[in-house]
């Protein structure tokens, strides 16, 4: 599952915190060889990477999970 800044804001993070989590996740992905995430236009990252940064699971409902 992929998440973006708005999903993190819905979880209770502030807009800047959410932005920085996405930015940090993208940096980790680039470091691991996923050059696609170097692009500024990419705003969604795998949920697992953000959970890895935070050290906890996120409870995020998405449209895909509900259907």
PDB file of N, CA and C in Angstrom:
ATOM      1  N   UNK A   1       0.848  -1.179   0.000  1.00  0.00           N
ATOM      2  CA  UNK A   1       0.000   0.000   0.000  1.00  0.00           C
ATOM      3  C   UNK A   1       0.893   1.241   0.000  1.00  0.00           C
ATOM      4  N   UNK A   2       0.500   2.230  -0.743  1.00  0.00           N
ATOM      5  CA  UNK A   2       1.235   3.488  -0.834  1.00  0.00           C
ATOM      6  C   UNK A   2       0.475   4.575  -0.080  1.00  0.00           C
ATOM      7  N   UNK A   3       1.221   5.463   0.548  1.00  0.00           N
ATOM      8  CA  UNK A   3       0.603   6.565   1.278  1.00  0.00           C
ATOM      9  C   UNK A   3       1.259   7.881   0.863  1.00  0.00           C
ATOM     10  N   UNK A   4       0.524   8.955   1.089  1.00  0.00           N
ATOM     11  CA  UNK A   4       1.066  10.280   0.797  1.00  0.00           C
ATOM     12  C   UNK A   4       0.912  11.176   2.029  1.00  0.00           C
ATOM     13  N   UNK A   5       1.276  12.416   1.861  1.00  0.00           N
ATOM     14  CA  UNK A   5       1.248  13.377   2.964  1.00  0.00           C
ATOM     15  C   UNK A   5      -0.144  13.492   3.576  1.00  0.00           C
ATOM     16  N   UNK A   6      -1.170  13.521   2.741  1.00  0.00           N
ATOM     17  CA  UNK A   6      -2.536  13.679   3.235  1.00  0.00           C
ATOM     18  C   UNK A   6      -2.968  12.508   4.109  1.00  0.00           C
ATOM     19  N   UNK A   7      -2.527  11.307   3.761  1.00  0.00           N
ATOM     20  CA  UNK A   7      -2.840  10.137   4.583  1.00  0.00           C
ATOM     21  C   UNK A   7      -2.218  10.279   5.976  1.00  0.00           C
ATOM     22  N   UNK A   8      -1.001  10.774   6.013  1.00  0.00           N
ATOM     23  CA  UNK A   8      -0.320  10.954   7.301  1.00  0.00           C
ATOM     24  C   UNK A   8      -0.975  12.049   8.130  1.00  0.00           C
ATOM     25  N   UNK A   9      -1.446  13.102   7.467  1.00  0.00           N
ATOM     26  CA  UNK A   9      -2.152  14.169   8.182  1.00  0.00           C
ATOM     27  C   UNK A   9      -3.432  13.608   8.800  1.00  0.00           C
ATOM     28  N   UNK A  10      -4.126  12.724   8.085  1.00  0.00           N
ATOM     29  CA  UNK A  10      -5.336  12.084   8.614  1.00  0.00           C
ATOM     30  C   UNK A  10      -5.030  11.221   9.839  1.00  0.00           C
ATOM     31  N   UNK A  11      -3.796  10.724   9.925  1.00  0.00           N
ATOM     32  CA  UNK A  11      -3.369   9.914  11.075  1.00  0.00           C
ATOM     33  C   UNK A  11      -3.002  10.773  12.282  1.00  0.00           C
ATOM     34  N   UNK A  12      -2.958  12.085  12.097  1.00  0.00           N
ATOM     35  CA  UNK A  12      -2.684  12.962  13.220  1.00  0.00           C
ATOM     36  C   UNK A  12      -1.349  13.686  13.168  1.00  0.00           C
ATOM     37  N   UNK A  13      -0.570  13.456  12.127  1.00  0.00           N
ATOM     38  CA  UNK A  13       0.689  14.180  11.984  1.00  0.00           C
ATOM     39  C   UNK A  13       0.400  15.578  11.449  1.00  0.00           C
ATOM     40  N   UNK A  14       1.249  16.523  11.810  1.00  0.00           N
ATOM     41  CA  UNK A  14       1.130  17.865  11.264  1.00  0.00           C
ATOM     42  C   UNK A  14       1.562  17.863   9.805  1.00  0.00           C
ATOM     43  N   UNK A  15       1.143  18.874   9.041  1.00  0.00           N
ATOM     44  CA  UNK A  15       1.506  18.920   7.623  1.00  0.00           C
ATOM     45  C   UNK A  15       3.017  18.882   7.376  1.00  0.00           C
ATOM     46  N   UNK A  16       3.788  19.606   8.187  1.00  0.00           N
ATOM     47  CA  UNK A  16       5.238  19.610   7.991  1.00  0.00           C
ATOM     48  C   UNK A  16       5.843  18.259   8.375  1.00  0.00           C
ATOM     49  N   UNK A  17       5.365  17.682   9.465  1.00  0.00           N
ATOM     50  CA  UNK A  17       5.831  16.359   9.887  1.00  0.00           C
ATOM     51  C   UNK A  17       5.564  15.324   8.798  1.00  0.00           C
ATOM     52  N   UNK A  18       4.365  15.376   8.236  1.00  0.00           N
ATOM     53  CA  UNK A  18       3.986  14.437   7.181  1.00  0.00           C
ATOM     54  C   UNK A  18       4.880  14.616   5.958  1.00  0.00           C
ATOM     55  N   UNK A  19       5.118  15.855   5.594  1.00  0.00           N
ATOM     56  CA  UNK A  19       5.997  16.165   4.457  1.00  0.00           C
ATOM     57  C   UNK A  19       7.397  15.602   4.692  1.00  0.00           C
ATOM     58  N   UNK A  20       7.923  15.801   5.894  1.00  0.00           N
ATOM     59  CA  UNK A  20       9.271  15.342   6.199  1.00  0.00           C
ATOM     60  C   UNK A  20       9.357  13.810   6.231  1.00  0.00           C
ATOM     61  N   UNK A  21       8.315  13.142   6.690  1.00  0.00           N
ATOM     62  CA  UNK A  21       8.296  11.676   6.680  1.00  0.00           C
ATOM     63  C   UNK A  21       8.340  11.144   5.252  1.00  0.00           C
ATOM     64  N   UNK A  22       7.572  11.764   4.366  1.00  0.00           N
ATOM     65  CA  UNK A  22       7.571  11.351   2.957  1.00  0.00           C
ATOM     66  C   UNK A  22       8.954  11.611   2.348  1.00  0.00           C
ATOM     67  N   UNK A  23       9.524  12.760   2.647  1.00  0.00           N
ATOM     68  CA  UNK A  23      10.844  13.116   2.124  1.00  0.00           C
ATOM     69  C   UNK A  23      11.905  12.126   2.613  1.00  0.00           C
ATOM     70  N   UNK A  24      11.843  11.769   3.884  1.00  0.00           N
ATOM     71  CA  UNK A  24      12.784  10.819   4.464  1.00  0.00           C
ATOM     72  C   UNK A  24      12.609   9.433   3.844  1.00  0.00           C
ATOM     73  N   UNK A  25      11.361   9.028   3.636  1.00  0.00           N
ATOM     74  CA  UNK A  25      11.083   7.731   3.019  1.00  0.00           C
ATOM     75  C   UNK A  25      11.628   7.687   1.593  1.00  0.00           C
ATOM     76  N   UNK A  26      11.452   8.771   0.849  1.00  0.00           N
ATOM     77  CA  UNK A  26      11.972   8.828  -0.517  1.00  0.00           C
ATOM     78  C   UNK A  26      13.491   8.721  -0.524  1.00  0.00           C
ATOM     79  N   UNK A  27      14.155   9.374   0.424  1.00  0.00           N
ATOM     80  CA  UNK A  27      15.618   9.317   0.504  1.00  0.00           C
ATOM     81  C   UNK A  27      16.085   7.882   0.778  1.00  0.00           C
ATOM     82  N   UNK A  28      15.393   7.185   1.647  1.00  0.00           N
ATOM     83  CA  UNK A  28      15.732   5.785   1.945  1.00  0.00           C
ATOM     84  C   UNK A  28      15.558   4.924   0.702  1.00  0.00           C
ATOM     85  N   UNK A  29      14.470   5.138  -0.018  1.00  0.00           N
ATOM     86  CA  UNK A  29      14.210   4.351  -1.222  1.00  0.00           C
ATOM     87  C   UNK A  29      15.260   4.611  -2.303  1.00  0.00           C
ATOM     88  N   UNK A  30      15.674   5.849  -2.457  1.00  0.00           N
ATOM     89  CA  UNK A  30      16.724   6.179  -3.432  1.00  0.00           C
ATOM     90  C   UNK A  30      18.024   5.494  -3.019  1.00  0.00           C
ATOM     91  N   UNK A  31      18.319   5.526  -1.728  1.00  0.00           N
ATOM     92  CA  UNK A  31      19.519   4.879  -1.201  1.00  0.00           C
ATOM     93  C   UNK A  31      19.509   3.376  -1.485  1.00  0.00           C
ATOM     94  N   UNK A  32      18.328   2.787  -1.489  1.00  0.00           N
ATOM     95  CA  UNK A  32      18.182   1.346  -1.731  1.00  0.00           C
ATOM     96  C   UNK A  32      18.119   1.005  -3.218  1.00  0.00           C
ATOM     97  N   UNK A  33      18.271   2.018  -4.072  1.00  0.00           N
ATOM     98  CA  UNK A  33      18.373   1.763  -5.503  1.00  0.00           C
ATOM     99  C   UNK A  33      17.131   2.059  -6.318  1.00  0.00           C
ATOM    100  N   UNK A  34      16.127   2.674  -5.723  1.00  0.00           N
ATOM    101  CA  UNK A  34      14.910   3.011  -6.449  1.00  0.00           C
ATOM    102  C   UNK A  34      14.987   4.462  -6.926  1.00  0.00           C
ATOM    103  N   UNK A  35      15.674   4.673  -8.044  1.00  0.00           N
ATOM    104  CA  UNK A  35      15.923   6.022  -8.571  1.00  0.00           C
ATOM    105  C   UNK A  35      14.632   6.769  -8.910  1.00  0.00           C
ATOM    106  N   UNK A  36      13.553   6.043  -9.142  1.00  0.00           N
ATOM    107  CA  UNK A  36      12.249   6.641  -9.441  1.00  0.00           C
ATOM    108  C   UNK A  36      11.859   7.679  -8.389  1.00  0.00           C
ATOM    109  N   UNK A  37      12.240   7.446  -7.140  1.00  0.00           N
ATOM    110  CA  UNK A  37      11.831   8.323  -6.045  1.00  0.00           C
ATOM    111  C   UNK A  37      12.656   9.605  -5.948  1.00  0.00           C
ATOM    112  N   UNK A  38      13.628   9.811  -6.857  1.00  0.00           N
ATOM    113  CA  UNK A  38      14.384  11.070  -6.897  1.00  0.00           C
ATOM    114  C   UNK A  38      13.509  12.211  -7.401  1.00  0.00           C
ATOM    115  N   UNK A  39      12.482  11.877  -8.153  1.00  0.00           N
ATOM    116  CA  UNK A  39      11.618  12.873  -8.772  1.00  0.00           C
ATOM    117  C   UNK A  39      10.820  13.651  -7.728  1.00  0.00           C
ATOM    118  N   UNK A  40      10.744  14.969  -7.921  1.00  0.00           N
ATOM    119  CA  UNK A  40       9.936  15.804  -7.024  1.00  0.00           C
ATOM    120  C   UNK A  40       8.437  15.549  -7.199  1.00  0.00           C
ATOM    121  N   UNK A  41       8.055  14.992  -8.348  1.00  0.00           N
ATOM    122  CA  UNK A  41       6.642  14.754  -8.621  1.00  0.00           C
ATOM    123  C   UNK A  41       6.076  13.528  -7.927  1.00  0.00           C
ATOM    124  N   UNK A  42       6.939  12.719  -7.360  1.00  0.00           N
ATOM    125  CA  UNK A  42       6.483  11.504  -6.684  1.00  0.00           C
ATOM    126  C   UNK A  42       6.152  11.852  -5.241  1.00  0.00           C
ATOM    127  N   UNK A  43       4.887  11.667  -4.882  1.00  0.00           N
ATOM    128  CA  UNK A  43       4.446  12.018  -3.530  1.00  0.00           C
ATOM    129  C   UNK A  43       3.957  10.846  -2.719  1.00  0.00           C
ATOM    130  N   UNK A  44       3.913   9.675  -3.325  1.00  0.00           N
ATOM    131  CA  UNK A  44       3.456   8.472  -2.614  1.00  0.00           C
ATOM    132  C   UNK A  44       4.632   7.538  -2.398  1.00  0.00           C
ATOM    133  N   UNK A  45       4.674   6.965  -1.207  1.00  0.00           N
ATOM    134  CA  UNK A  45       5.733   6.017  -0.858  1.00  0.00           C
ATOM    135  C   UNK A  45       5.088   4.784  -0.223  1.00  0.00           C
ATOM    136  N   UNK A  46       5.800   3.660  -0.230  1.00  0.00           N
ATOM    137  CA  UNK A  46       5.254   2.468   0.424  1.00  0.00           C
ATOM    138  C   UNK A  46       5.047   2.706   1.928  1.00  0.00           C
ATOM    139  N   UNK A  47       3.907   2.285   2.403  1.00  0.00           N
ATOM    140  CA  UNK A  47       3.557   2.444   3.818  1.00  0.00           C
ATOM    141  C   UNK A  47       4.609   1.796   4.721  1.00  0.00           C
ATOM    142  N   UNK A  48       5.170   0.680   4.289  1.00  0.00           N
ATOM    143  CA  UNK A  48       6.135  -0.060   5.096  1.00  0.00           C
ATOM    144  C   UNK A  48       7.379   0.771   5.410  1.00  0.00           C
ATOM    145  N   UNK A  49       7.782   1.623   4.480  1.00  0.00           N
ATOM    146  CA  UNK A  49       8.971   2.452   4.691  1.00  0.00           C
ATOM    147  C   UNK A  49       8.705   3.488   5.789  1.00  0.00           C
ATOM    148  N   UNK A  50       7.532   4.101   5.764  1.00  0.00           N
ATOM    149  CA  UNK A  50       7.182   5.086   6.800  1.00  0.00           C
ATOM    150  C   UNK A  50       7.079   4.384   8.150  1.00  0.00           C
ATOM    151  N   UNK A  51       6.500   3.185   8.172  1.00  0.00           N
ATOM    152  CA  UNK A  51       6.405   2.420   9.416  1.00  0.00           C
ATOM    153  C   UNK A  51       7.802   2.079   9.944  1.00  0.00           C
ATOM    154  N   UNK A  52       8.712   1.799   9.035  1.00  0.00           N
ATOM    155  CA  UNK A  52      10.094   1.507   9.415  1.00  0.00           C
ATOM    156  C   UNK A  52      10.739   2.729  10.071  1.00  0.00           C
ATOM    157  N   UNK A  53      10.487   3.900   9.520  1.00  0.00           N
ATOM    158  CA  UNK A  53      11.030   5.143  10.076  1.00  0.00           C
ATOM    159  C   UNK A  53      10.466   5.385  11.473  1.00  0.00           C
ATOM    160  N   UNK A  54       9.150   5.207  11.612  1.00  0.00           N
ATOM    161  CA  UNK A  54       8.476   5.481  12.878  1.00  0.00           C
ATOM    162  C   UNK A  54       8.695   4.378  13.910  1.00  0.00           C
ATOM    163  N   UNK A  55       8.932   3.175  13.448  1.00  0.00           N
ATOM    164  CA  UNK A  55       9.102   2.049  14.362  1.00  0.00           C
ATOM    165  C   UNK A  55       7.795   1.509  14.893  1.00  0.00           C
ATOM    166  N   UNK A  56       6.709   1.773  14.192  1.00  0.00           N
ATOM    167  CA  UNK A  56       5.389   1.297  14.600  1.00  0.00           C
ATOM    168  C   UNK A  56       4.489   1.146  13.387  1.00  0.00           C
ATOM    169  N   UNK A  57       3.417   0.404  13.539  1.00  0.00           N
ATOM    170  CA  UNK A  57       2.447   0.220  12.456  1.00  0.00           C
ATOM    171  C   UNK A  57       1.522   1.431  12.380  1.00  0.00           C
ATOM    172  N   UNK A  58       1.090   1.766  11.185  1.00  0.00           N
ATOM    173  CA  UNK A  58       0.136   2.846  10.966  1.00  0.00           C
ATOM    174  C   UNK A  58      -1.231   2.257  10.661  1.00  0.00           C
ATOM    175  N   UNK A  59      -2.244   2.832  11.227  1.00  0.00           N
ATOM    176  CA  UNK A  59      -3.620   2.421  10.936  1.00  0.00           C
ATOM    177  C   UNK A  59      -4.217   3.432   9.972  1.00  0.00           C
ATOM    178  N   UNK A  60      -4.138   3.125   8.699  1.00  0.00           N
ATOM    179  CA  UNK A  60      -4.637   4.024   7.662  1.00  0.00           C
ATOM    180  C   UNK A  60      -5.644   3.273   6.829  1.00  0.00           C
ATOM    181  N   UNK A  61      -6.837   3.824   6.729  1.00  0.00           N
ATOM    182  CA  UNK A  61      -7.856   3.236   5.846  1.00  0.00           C
ATOM    183  C   UNK A  61      -7.719   3.865   4.481  1.00  0.00           C
ATOM    184  N   UNK A  62      -7.681   3.032   3.470  1.00  0.00           N
ATOM    185  CA  UNK A  62      -7.669   3.555   2.107  1.00  0.00           C
ATOM    186  C   UNK A  62      -8.899   3.053   1.389  1.00  0.00           C
ATOM    187  N   UNK A  63      -9.191   3.635   0.260  1.00  0.00           N
ATOM    188  CA  UNK A  63     -10.335   3.214  -0.541  1.00  0.00           C
ATOM    189  C   UNK A  63     -10.181   1.750  -0.927  1.00  0.00           C
ATOM    190  N   UNK A  64      -8.950   1.328  -1.217  1.00  0.00           N
ATOM    191  CA  UNK A  64      -8.686  -0.061  -1.611  1.00  0.00           C
ATOM    192  C   UNK A  64      -8.975  -1.027  -0.464  1.00  0.00           C
ATOM    193  N   UNK A  65      -8.713  -0.602   0.777  1.00  0.00           N
ATOM    194  CA  UNK A  65      -8.952  -1.462   1.931  1.00  0.00           C
ATOM    195  C   UNK A  65     -10.447  -1.629   2.205  1.00  0.00           C
ATOM    196  N   UNK A  66     -11.225  -0.613   1.922  1.00  0.00           N
ATOM    197  CA  UNK A  66     -12.659  -0.637   2.202  1.00  0.00           C
ATOM    198  C   UNK A  66     -13.399  -1.474   1.157  1.00  0.00           C
ATOM    199  N   UNK A  67     -12.984  -1.393  -0.097  1.00  0.00           N
ATOM    200  CA  UNK A  67     -13.678  -2.089  -1.186  1.00  0.00           C
ATOM    201  C   UNK A  67     -13.512  -3.581  -1.114  1.00  0.00           C
TER     202      UNK A  67
END
